[in-house]
Amino acid sequence: MDTHHLHINRSNKGEKLAATLVCIFILLSECVVADSPTDFENSGKKFLPTVSMAEGVMSFIGDVGNNRFNQPLMARSGFQIEIQKPATGNLAFSIFLLSGKVFGDEKTLLRNLNFESGIVSEGVMFRYDFINHKNSQQLLTPFISAGIEYISFHPKSDMKDANGNYYHYWKDGSIRSLDQNDTNASQAVIVHRDYVYETELRDANIDGLGKFEESALGFPVGAGVRLRLSGRCSMHFSSVCHFTNTDFIDAVTEKSIGYRQGNSSNDKFIYSSVSFRYDFSSPRETPGRSHPSKFKPLIDVSHVDFDALVKADADHDGVTDFNDDVALNPEHVNVDAHGRPLDSDDDGIPDYRDDEPASAKNALVDEHGVTITDSLIAEKFKRDSLSFLPAIIEYLKCIDKLSMMDSTFRTRENSSSSKREVIPPTFSKLDTDNNGVISPSEISSAIDDYLNGKSPYNTDEFFQLIDFFFKQH
């Protein structure tokens, strides 16, 4: 009877505190709504708190279930209410109530343990913002937090099925109705866990530790980031590790018996959450009577002549800027209804800078609108080819030096002279040594004269000269 009342008292304690915080939240909301906008500034409402509600998950770190790497991903839900004193600078102070569950499940060849424990935590928290609270326009604000709390917990275990039969874990991995070493083990049937945590571990006293305390002090430490939604509204994304001074949240300690024995570290749990926060003390961002001086006045446009803006024509081409596709045409240019310069032959070059205003349809033109012909391409090729003449000169000079030094080269050159073509009369005067051959030194001189504008030959004749030189060699 006393034990039953003790459990009820512990449960009622958390429920009363939660009810108290909810009542405070409702009263604060009614106060803000009841006040008229005029009374807001004069009634000291800037000292109203910030209220937040958070939904998240609670992950247990203790003696049960930590043998698996992914155990922290197995979590139960939690809910937290927080009331914060208005921040001054970077530091804020708050009280909170956290309620949820943690659990652990471990099934190995050495031991099979499971538990689930309700958690109720109330305490105070200090938060430090890395960006000053006065910078209200900051979108993201990272922060750290730390505090102290009083934690109540109530561990239970799933040890029986729906019919009240204990689970017996066999070495083959199955769960059966009888122990593996029982004399009637051959009659055991396979059973399955129902995941109903019906056994209160404190009362079961499996390890002979007696009625251990189901409460403890804790020290929450965490970090997160604040996302600003408006002047009063924000969201917090945070993760807080609750360090406790108890090892009984899972009812397994270093003093437990046999395969149930745990380590000497105290239990802890992590609460990761997303919270919505409403700051009653901050001004609203929408213009209103409550804070008329905090908002910029609307721009006065009464003096603006909108008719003149609609009729404006910056380039004076007769097409208003509103309908003008080319806003800055040159003066005195004929344009179409959309302000685009006329292009009579539709070659992409407007008439005012088209040197050939009547190009053939689909003709390929240059930047001046002139049709590109084969002769133009050939002429350009010849002009571009002149850029290689200096390299040809250097090559010919090397050949000339080689012929002067190498007797074999000169002998081969003389022996083949009878086979060479006769110099055309047009180029015969270039043969200054009258040996019937235009030598490298002679063609180099001709190229120099051409580049210096002293050559008697036009472009076509000069290219014929180059071709003849290489043909005779």
Protein backbone atom coordinates (compact mmCIF):
# COMPACT_ATOMS: atom_id res chain seq x y z
CA MET A 1 0.00 0.00 0.00
CA ASP A 2 2.77 2.45 0.87
CA THR A 3 4.67 1.59 -2.31
CA HIS A 4 1.60 2.24 -4.42
CA HIS A 5 1.06 5.65 -2.82
CA LEU A 6 4.75 6.47 -3.28
CA HIS A 7 4.49 5.87 -7.03
CA ILE A 8 1.33 7.96 -7.23
CA ASN A 9 2.99 10.82 -5.32
CA ARG A 10 6.02 10.79 -7.64
CA SER A 11 3.77 10.86 -10.71
CA ASN A 12 1.57 13.62 -9.26
CA LYS A 13 4.64 15.75 -8.54
CA GLY A 14 5.58 15.98 -12.21
CA GLU A 15 1.97 16.46 -13.31
CA LYS A 16 1.43 19.33 -10.85
CA LEU A 17 4.57 21.12 -12.03
CA ALA A 18 3.55 20.70 -15.66
CA ALA A 19 0.07 22.01 -14.90
CA THR A 20 1.59 25.01 -13.11
CA LEU A 21 3.77 25.92 -16.09
CA VAL A 22 0.85 25.58 -18.49
CA CYS A 23 -1.27 27.87 -16.30
CA ILE A 24 1.51 30.47 -16.26
CA PHE A 25 1.71 30.29 -20.05
CA ILE A 26 -2.09 30.77 -20.38
CA LEU A 27 -2.10 33.69 -17.93
CA LEU A 28 0.76 35.41 -19.76
CA SER A 29 -1.05 34.98 -23.06
CA GLU A 30 -4.26 36.48 -21.66
CA CYS A 31 -2.35 39.43 -20.20
CA VAL A 32 -0.80 40.28 -23.53
CA VAL A 33 -4.08 39.99 -25.40
CA ALA A 34 -5.97 42.02 -22.79
CA ASP A 35 -3.60 44.96 -22.87
CA SER A 36 -4.41 47.71 -25.33
CA PRO A 37 -1.64 48.76 -27.73
CA THR A 38 -1.31 52.11 -25.98
CA ASP A 39 -0.72 50.49 -22.61
CA PHE A 40 1.99 48.19 -23.97
CA GLU A 41 4.88 50.65 -23.70
CA ASN A 42 3.75 52.16 -20.38
CA SER A 43 3.03 48.95 -18.49
CA GLY A 44 6.55 47.48 -18.53
CA LYS A 45 5.65 44.57 -20.82
CA LYS A 46 9.21 44.55 -22.05
CA PHE A 47 9.93 42.37 -19.00
CA LEU A 48 7.58 39.61 -20.14
CA PRO A 49 9.29 36.25 -20.71
CA THR A 50 9.93 34.11 -23.76
CA VAL A 51 7.90 30.88 -23.84
CA SER A 52 8.92 27.86 -25.87
CA MET A 53 7.56 24.40 -26.60
CA ALA A 54 9.86 21.70 -27.96
CA GLU A 55 9.25 18.30 -29.51
CA GLY A 56 12.18 15.90 -29.76
CA VAL A 57 13.69 12.48 -29.12
CA MET A 58 15.47 11.08 -26.07
CA SER A 59 18.39 8.66 -26.48
CA PHE A 60 19.74 6.68 -23.54
CA ILE A 61 23.43 6.13 -22.73
CA GLY A 62 23.98 3.65 -19.92
CA ASP A 63 24.52 0.00 -19.06
CA VAL A 64 21.85 -1.54 -21.30
CA GLY A 65 22.15 -1.44 -25.07
CA ASN A 66 25.49 0.31 -25.47
CA ASN A 67 27.11 -2.70 -27.09
CA ARG A 68 25.73 -1.63 -30.48
CA PHE A 69 27.04 1.34 -32.44
CA ASN A 70 23.60 2.37 -33.68
CA GLN A 71 21.99 2.30 -30.24
CA PRO A 72 21.85 6.14 -29.97
CA LEU A 73 19.60 6.09 -33.06
CA MET A 74 17.00 4.10 -31.11
CA ALA A 75 15.07 6.71 -29.17
CA ARG A 76 11.75 7.64 -27.58
CA SER A 77 9.93 10.95 -27.90
CA GLY A 78 10.04 13.78 -25.42
CA PHE A 79 8.32 17.12 -24.87
CA GLN A 80 9.67 20.23 -23.15
CA ILE A 81 8.14 23.52 -21.97
CA GLU A 82 10.47 26.41 -21.15
CA ILE A 83 9.96 29.91 -19.77
CA GLN A 84 12.87 32.26 -20.26
CA LYS A 85 13.66 35.55 -18.61
CA PRO A 86 14.33 38.34 -21.15
CA ALA A 87 17.86 38.12 -22.44
CA THR A 88 20.37 40.82 -21.50
CA GLY A 89 23.23 40.93 -23.93
CA ASN A 90 24.41 37.40 -24.71
CA LEU A 91 23.15 35.59 -21.57
CA ALA A 92 19.65 34.25 -20.90
CA PHE A 93 18.12 32.38 -17.93
CA SER A 94 15.14 29.99 -18.04
CA ILE A 95 13.20 27.30 -16.17
CA PHE A 96 12.03 24.17 -17.97
CA LEU A 97 9.99 21.00 -17.65
CA LEU A 98 10.98 17.96 -19.72
CA SER A 99 8.90 14.81 -19.99
CA GLY A 100 9.50 11.69 -22.07
CA LYS A 101 10.84 8.16 -22.11
CA VAL A 102 14.17 6.41 -22.61
CA PHE A 103 14.77 2.76 -23.31
CA GLY A 104 17.47 0.21 -23.95
CA ASP A 105 17.39 -3.22 -25.55
CA GLU A 106 20.27 -5.68 -25.59
CA LYS A 107 20.24 -9.21 -26.93
CA THR A 108 23.57 -11.02 -27.16
CA LEU A 109 24.97 -14.47 -26.46
CA LEU A 110 26.07 -13.25 -23.03
CA ARG A 111 22.97 -11.46 -21.79
CA ASN A 112 19.47 -10.35 -22.69
CA LEU A 113 18.27 -7.15 -21.05
CA ASN A 114 15.67 -4.52 -21.81
CA PHE A 115 14.09 -1.61 -20.01
CA GLU A 116 11.94 1.46 -20.51
CA SER A 117 11.86 4.37 -18.10
CA GLY A 118 9.65 7.43 -17.94
CA ILE A 119 11.59 10.66 -17.38
CA VAL A 120 10.36 13.87 -15.80
CA SER A 121 12.92 16.62 -15.38
CA GLU A 122 12.51 20.17 -14.08
CA GLY A 123 15.32 22.64 -13.67
CA VAL A 124 17.01 25.88 -14.62
CA MET A 125 19.09 26.56 -17.71
CA PHE A 126 21.56 29.26 -18.69
CA ARG A 127 22.07 29.96 -22.39
CA TYR A 128 24.89 31.94 -24.00
CA ASP A 129 24.30 33.36 -27.48
CA PHE A 130 27.44 33.91 -29.55
CA ILE A 131 25.73 36.91 -31.16
CA ASN A 132 24.37 39.66 -28.93
CA HIS A 133 20.61 39.59 -28.37
CA LYS A 134 20.41 43.26 -29.33
CA ASN A 135 21.22 42.31 -32.92
CA SER A 136 17.58 41.40 -33.52
CA GLN A 137 17.97 41.09 -37.30
CA GLN A 138 20.44 38.19 -37.09
CA LEU A 139 18.96 35.19 -38.94
CA LEU A 140 21.04 32.40 -37.32
CA THR A 141 22.48 32.59 -33.82
CA PRO A 142 24.55 29.70 -32.42
CA PHE A 143 24.42 29.13 -28.66
CA ILE A 144 25.53 26.85 -25.83
CA SER A 145 23.61 26.02 -22.67
CA ALA A 146 24.14 24.51 -19.23
CA GLY A 147 22.06 24.11 -16.09
CA ILE A 148 20.93 21.96 -13.17
CA GLU A 149 17.83 19.79 -12.88
CA TYR A 150 15.87 17.38 -10.69
CA ILE A 151 15.11 14.13 -12.52
CA SER A 152 12.42 11.57 -11.66
CA PHE A 153 12.43 8.19 -13.43
CA HIS A 154 10.57 4.88 -13.20
CA PRO A 155 12.31 1.90 -14.89
CA LYS A 156 10.33 -1.08 -16.11
CA SER A 157 11.25 -4.19 -18.08
CA ASP A 158 9.48 -6.51 -20.53
CA MET A 159 10.08 -9.86 -18.78
CA LYS A 160 6.72 -11.64 -19.31
CA ASP A 161 4.36 -12.30 -22.18
CA ALA A 162 0.68 -11.42 -22.21
CA ASN A 163 -0.11 -14.62 -20.30
CA GLY A 164 2.32 -13.84 -17.50
CA ASN A 165 4.96 -16.36 -18.60
CA TYR A 166 8.60 -15.34 -18.16
CA TYR A 167 10.84 -15.14 -21.20
CA HIS A 168 13.69 -17.66 -21.28
CA TYR A 169 16.47 -16.86 -23.74
CA TRP A 170 18.15 -19.90 -25.23
CA LYS A 171 21.62 -20.03 -26.75
CA ASP A 172 20.19 -20.65 -30.21
CA GLY A 173 18.70 -17.11 -30.09
CA SER A 174 15.09 -18.20 -29.49
CA ILE A 175 12.80 -17.21 -26.61
CA ARG A 176 10.98 -20.10 -24.96
CA SER A 177 8.54 -20.84 -22.18
CA LEU A 178 11.04 -22.88 -20.10
CA ASP A 179 14.69 -22.50 -19.16
CA GLN A 180 17.17 -24.30 -21.41
CA ASN A 181 18.48 -26.28 -18.41
CA ASP A 182 15.01 -27.24 -17.16
CA THR A 183 14.31 -30.98 -16.91
CA ASN A 184 11.26 -30.46 -19.10
CA ALA A 185 13.12 -28.25 -21.60
CA SER A 186 12.04 -30.54 -24.45
CA GLN A 187 8.45 -29.45 -23.86
CA ALA A 188 9.28 -25.73 -24.08
CA VAL A 189 7.51 -23.78 -26.78
CA ILE A 190 8.73 -20.70 -28.60
CA VAL A 191 7.25 -17.42 -27.38
CA HIS A 192 7.60 -13.88 -28.66
CA ARG A 193 8.09 -10.63 -26.82
CA ASP A 194 5.06 -8.36 -26.65
CA TYR A 195 7.17 -5.27 -25.84
CA VAL A 196 4.90 -4.35 -22.97
CA TYR A 197 7.12 -3.21 -20.10
CA GLU A 198 5.08 -4.62 -17.25
CA THR A 199 7.72 -5.44 -14.58
CA GLU A 200 8.66 -2.58 -12.24
CA LEU A 201 12.37 -3.14 -11.66
CA ARG A 202 12.48 -1.27 -8.35
CA ASP A 203 9.88 -3.58 -6.84
CA ALA A 204 11.26 -6.72 -8.52
CA ASN A 205 14.59 -6.22 -6.69
CA ILE A 206 16.31 -8.62 -9.09
CA ASP A 207 19.83 -7.75 -7.91
CA GLY A 208 19.01 -7.45 -4.22
CA LEU A 209 19.75 -3.72 -4.18
CA GLY A 210 16.56 -2.84 -2.33
CA LYS A 211 14.27 0.13 -2.98
CA PHE A 212 16.67 2.39 -4.85
CA GLU A 213 15.92 6.08 -5.30
CA GLU A 214 14.00 6.91 -8.47
CA SER A 215 15.18 10.48 -8.54
CA ALA A 216 18.49 12.26 -8.96
CA LEU A 217 20.18 15.53 -9.78
CA GLY A 218 21.25 16.16 -13.35
CA PHE A 219 23.39 18.63 -15.23
CA PRO A 220 22.17 19.39 -18.77
CA VAL A 221 24.81 20.68 -21.21
CA GLY A 222 24.09 21.37 -24.84
CA ALA A 223 24.43 23.46 -27.98
CA GLY A 224 22.24 24.57 -30.85
CA VAL A 225 21.28 27.32 -33.21
CA ARG A 226 18.44 29.85 -33.20
CA LEU A 227 16.56 30.54 -36.43
CA ARG A 228 14.85 33.92 -36.41
CA LEU A 229 11.39 33.93 -37.97
CA SER A 230 10.27 37.41 -36.91
CA GLY A 231 10.76 39.92 -34.12
CA ARG A 232 8.92 37.70 -31.64
CA CYS A 233 9.03 34.24 -33.17
CA SER A 234 12.03 31.95 -33.55
CA MET A 235 12.94 28.27 -33.66
CA HIS A 236 15.69 26.50 -31.75
CA PHE A 237 17.45 23.41 -33.07
CA SER A 238 19.40 21.94 -30.17
CA SER A 239 20.87 18.82 -28.62
CA VAL A 240 21.34 18.59 -24.83
CA CYS A 241 23.15 15.85 -22.94
CA HIS A 242 21.72 15.29 -19.43
CA PHE A 243 24.45 14.03 -17.10
CA THR A 244 22.94 12.43 -13.97
CA ASN A 245 24.33 11.37 -10.61
CA THR A 246 22.52 8.03 -10.66
CA ASP A 247 23.14 4.64 -12.26
CA PHE A 248 19.60 3.35 -11.73
CA ILE A 249 17.70 4.74 -14.73
CA ASP A 250 18.07 1.32 -16.37
CA ALA A 251 18.22 -0.48 -12.96
CA VAL A 252 21.56 -2.04 -13.93
CA THR A 253 24.73 -1.06 -12.05
CA GLU A 254 28.19 -2.40 -11.32
CA LYS A 255 26.67 -4.08 -8.26
CA SER A 256 24.13 -6.05 -10.32
CA ILE A 257 24.39 -9.85 -10.20
CA GLY A 258 25.88 -12.11 -12.87
CA TYR A 259 25.32 -11.26 -16.52
CA ARG A 260 23.33 -8.18 -15.41
CA GLN A 261 26.43 -6.46 -14.04
CA GLY A 262 27.09 -3.05 -15.57
CA ASN A 263 29.87 -0.51 -15.41
CA SER A 264 30.62 2.17 -12.81
CA SER A 265 29.56 5.14 -14.98
CA ASN A 266 26.38 7.02 -14.20
CA ASP A 267 23.53 6.96 -16.70
CA LYS A 268 22.81 9.86 -19.05
CA PHE A 269 20.52 10.67 -21.93
CA ILE A 270 20.49 13.06 -24.88
CA TYR A 271 17.48 15.17 -25.82
CA SER A 272 17.54 16.46 -29.42
CA SER A 273 14.67 18.76 -30.25
CA VAL A 274 13.12 21.50 -32.35
CA SER A 275 11.33 24.19 -30.37
CA PHE A 276 9.07 27.09 -31.27
CA ARG A 277 9.71 30.20 -29.17
CA TYR A 278 7.59 33.29 -28.71
CA ASP A 279 9.10 36.40 -27.12
CA PHE A 280 6.39 38.49 -25.46
CA SER A 281 8.81 41.33 -24.71
CA SER A 282 9.98 42.00 -28.28
CA PRO A 283 8.18 44.53 -30.50
CA ARG A 284 6.14 43.35 -33.44
CA GLU A 285 7.57 43.96 -36.88
CA THR A 286 4.33 44.92 -38.58
CA PRO A 287 3.39 48.65 -38.52
CA GLY A 288 0.79 49.47 -35.89
CA ARG A 289 -0.23 51.87 -33.15
CA SER A 290 1.84 50.18 -30.47
CA HIS A 291 5.25 51.16 -31.85
CA PRO A 292 4.76 53.76 -34.58
CA SER A 293 8.25 55.19 -34.10
CA LYS A 294 10.00 51.87 -34.71
CA PHE A 295 8.93 51.56 -38.34
CA LYS A 296 10.00 53.54 -41.35
CA PRO A 297 7.32 55.86 -42.79
CA LEU A 298 5.81 55.02 -46.16
CA ILE A 299 7.34 56.79 -49.17
CA ASP A 300 5.31 59.78 -50.33
CA VAL A 301 4.60 59.35 -54.07
CA SER A 302 1.95 62.03 -54.39
CA HIS A 303 4.35 64.30 -56.34
CA VAL A 304 5.30 61.60 -58.89
CA ASP A 305 3.91 62.18 -62.41
CA PHE A 306 3.09 58.65 -63.46
CA ASP A 307 1.69 59.79 -66.83
CA ALA A 308 5.08 61.30 -67.71
CA LEU A 309 6.82 58.06 -66.72
CA VAL A 310 4.57 56.03 -69.01
CA LYS A 311 5.22 58.41 -71.95
CA ALA A 312 8.99 58.71 -71.42
CA ASP A 313 11.22 58.04 -74.45
CA ALA A 314 14.89 58.17 -73.44
CA ASP A 315 16.38 57.64 -76.93
CA HIS A 316 13.77 59.76 -78.77
CA ASP A 317 13.03 57.07 -81.32
CA GLY A 318 9.26 57.51 -81.08
CA VAL A 319 8.71 54.38 -78.97
CA THR A 320 8.07 54.82 -75.24
CA ASP A 321 10.50 53.21 -72.84
CA PHE A 322 7.71 50.95 -71.57
CA ASN A 323 7.43 49.34 -75.04
CA ASP A 324 11.01 49.84 -76.24
CA ASP A 325 13.07 46.64 -76.60
CA VAL A 326 16.21 48.71 -77.30
CA ALA A 327 16.20 51.55 -74.80
CA LEU A 328 19.28 53.46 -76.11
CA ASN A 329 19.25 53.59 -79.93
CA PRO A 330 21.56 56.07 -81.73
CA GLU A 331 19.93 59.29 -82.87
CA HIS A 332 17.95 59.44 -86.14
CA VAL A 333 17.73 55.66 -86.50
CA ASN A 334 14.61 54.19 -88.09
CA VAL A 335 12.98 51.66 -85.74
CA ASP A 336 9.99 49.31 -85.77
CA ALA A 337 7.01 49.33 -83.39
CA HIS A 338 9.10 47.72 -80.63
CA GLY A 339 11.99 50.18 -80.88
CA ARG A 340 14.33 47.77 -82.69
CA PRO A 341 16.49 49.30 -85.52
CA LEU A 342 15.26 48.34 -89.00
CA ASP A 343 17.08 45.56 -90.85
CA SER A 344 15.79 45.61 -94.43
CA ASP A 345 17.70 42.59 -95.71
CA ASP A 346 17.21 40.64 -92.48
CA ASP A 347 20.89 39.73 -92.21
CA GLY A 348 21.22 40.59 -88.52
CA ILE A 349 23.00 43.88 -89.15
CA PRO A 350 20.74 46.98 -88.71
CA ASP A 351 20.47 49.33 -91.69
CA TYR A 352 22.27 52.23 -89.99
CA ARG A 353 25.55 50.27 -89.94
CA ASP A 354 25.00 47.91 -92.91
CA ASP A 355 27.49 48.55 -95.76
CA GLU A 356 25.45 46.24 -97.98
CA PRO A 357 21.77 47.01 -97.22
CA ALA A 358 20.45 44.56 -99.83
CA SER A 359 22.26 41.31 -99.09
CA ALA A 360 20.82 38.13 -100.56
CA LYS A 361 18.43 36.10 -98.44
CA ASN A 362 20.21 33.86 -95.92
CA ALA A 363 23.57 35.27 -97.02
CA LEU A 364 26.51 34.94 -94.64
CA VAL A 365 27.74 38.46 -93.81
CA ASP A 366 30.52 40.01 -91.79
CA GLU A 367 30.19 42.59 -88.99
CA HIS A 368 29.57 45.30 -91.58
CA GLY A 369 26.79 43.43 -93.33
CA VAL A 370 28.89 42.59 -96.41
CA THR A 371 28.37 39.17 -97.96
CA ILE A 372 31.30 36.88 -97.37
CA THR A 373 32.50 35.40 -100.74
CA ASP A 374 35.16 32.91 -101.68
CA SER A 375 37.41 35.71 -102.96
CA LEU A 376 37.13 37.53 -99.63
CA ILE A 377 38.02 34.34 -97.82
CA ALA A 378 41.01 33.76 -100.10
CA GLU A 379 42.21 37.35 -99.69
CA LYS A 380 41.97 37.08 -95.93
CA PHE A 381 43.86 33.80 -96.05
CA LYS A 382 46.66 35.46 -98.01
CA ARG A 383 46.83 38.37 -95.61
CA ASP A 384 46.94 36.05 -92.65
CA SER A 385 49.61 33.96 -94.34
CA LEU A 386 51.98 36.93 -94.41
CA SER A 387 52.36 36.59 -90.67
CA PHE A 388 54.42 33.44 -91.31
CA LEU A 389 56.96 35.22 -93.60
CA PRO A 390 59.42 36.09 -90.78
CA ALA A 391 59.61 32.40 -89.89
CA ILE A 392 60.23 31.52 -93.54
CA ILE A 393 63.08 34.05 -93.66
CA GLU A 394 64.78 32.44 -90.67
CA TYR A 395 64.38 29.03 -92.27
CA LEU A 396 65.92 30.22 -95.54
CA LYS A 397 68.85 31.82 -93.75
CA CYS A 398 69.57 28.52 -92.04
CA ILE A 399 69.47 26.71 -95.40
CA ASP A 400 71.80 29.31 -96.91
CA LYS A 401 74.34 28.91 -94.09
CA LEU A 402 74.16 25.16 -94.43
CA SER A 403 74.86 25.34 -98.18
CA MET A 404 77.89 27.54 -97.52
CA MET A 405 79.39 25.14 -94.98
CA ASP A 406 78.44 21.76 -96.38
CA SER A 407 80.35 20.85 -99.57
CA THR A 408 78.16 17.75 -100.01
CA PHE A 409 75.09 19.97 -100.01
CA ARG A 410 76.63 22.28 -102.65
CA THR A 411 77.70 19.33 -104.81
CA ARG A 412 74.17 17.83 -104.66
CA GLU A 413 72.70 21.24 -105.47
CA ASN A 414 75.00 21.71 -108.51
CA SER A 415 74.43 18.18 -109.81
CA SER A 416 70.67 18.66 -109.84
CA SER A 417 70.75 22.14 -111.42
CA SER A 418 70.07 20.67 -114.86
CA LYS A 419 66.79 19.28 -113.61
CA ARG A 420 65.51 22.53 -112.16
CA GLU A 421 62.83 24.59 -113.83
CA VAL A 422 63.82 27.75 -115.64
CA ILE A 423 63.20 30.97 -113.73
CA PRO A 424 60.15 32.76 -115.15
CA PRO A 425 61.06 36.08 -116.81
CA THR A 426 59.01 37.90 -114.14
CA PHE A 427 61.40 36.69 -111.39
CA SER A 428 64.65 36.49 -113.39
CA LYS A 429 65.96 39.76 -112.02
CA LEU A 430 66.04 38.23 -108.55
CA ASP A 431 68.84 35.90 -109.74
CA THR A 432 71.60 38.39 -108.97
CA ASP A 433 74.45 35.86 -109.34
CA ASN A 434 73.07 34.64 -112.70
CA ASN A 435 73.41 30.96 -111.80
CA GLY A 436 69.89 30.11 -112.96
CA VAL A 437 68.70 29.44 -109.41
CA ILE A 438 66.94 31.68 -106.89
CA SER A 439 68.98 30.97 -103.79
CA PRO A 440 67.79 31.21 -100.16
CA SER A 441 69.63 34.52 -99.73
CA GLU A 442 67.98 35.92 -102.87
CA ILE A 443 64.43 34.89 -101.84
CA SER A 444 65.09 36.30 -98.32
CA SER A 445 65.93 39.67 -99.85
CA ALA A 446 62.74 39.52 -101.94
CA ILE A 447 60.67 38.81 -98.82
CA ASP A 448 62.31 41.71 -96.94
CA ASP A 449 61.44 44.07 -99.84
CA TYR A 450 57.84 42.83 -99.81
CA LEU A 451 57.43 43.33 -96.08
CA ASN A 452 58.97 46.82 -96.35
CA GLY A 453 56.70 47.83 -99.23
CA LYS A 454 59.56 47.96 -101.81
CA SER A 455 58.64 44.86 -103.80
CA PRO A 456 57.67 45.26 -107.47
CA TYR A 457 55.30 42.31 -107.13
CA ASN A 458 51.65 42.31 -106.06
CA THR A 459 50.23 39.75 -103.62
CA ASP A 460 49.39 37.11 -106.23
CA GLU A 461 52.80 37.43 -107.90
CA PHE A 462 54.57 37.23 -104.55
CA PHE A 463 52.83 33.98 -103.62
CA GLN A 464 53.72 32.59 -107.06
CA LEU A 465 57.36 33.50 -106.32
CA ILE A 466 57.26 31.59 -103.02
CA ASP A 467 55.72 28.57 -104.71
CA PHE A 468 58.39 28.62 -107.44
CA PHE A 469 61.22 28.86 -104.95
CA PHE A 470 60.15 25.73 -103.04
CA LYS A 471 59.40 23.92 -106.30
CA GLN A 472 62.90 24.45 -107.67
CA HIS A 473 64.48 23.27 -104.42
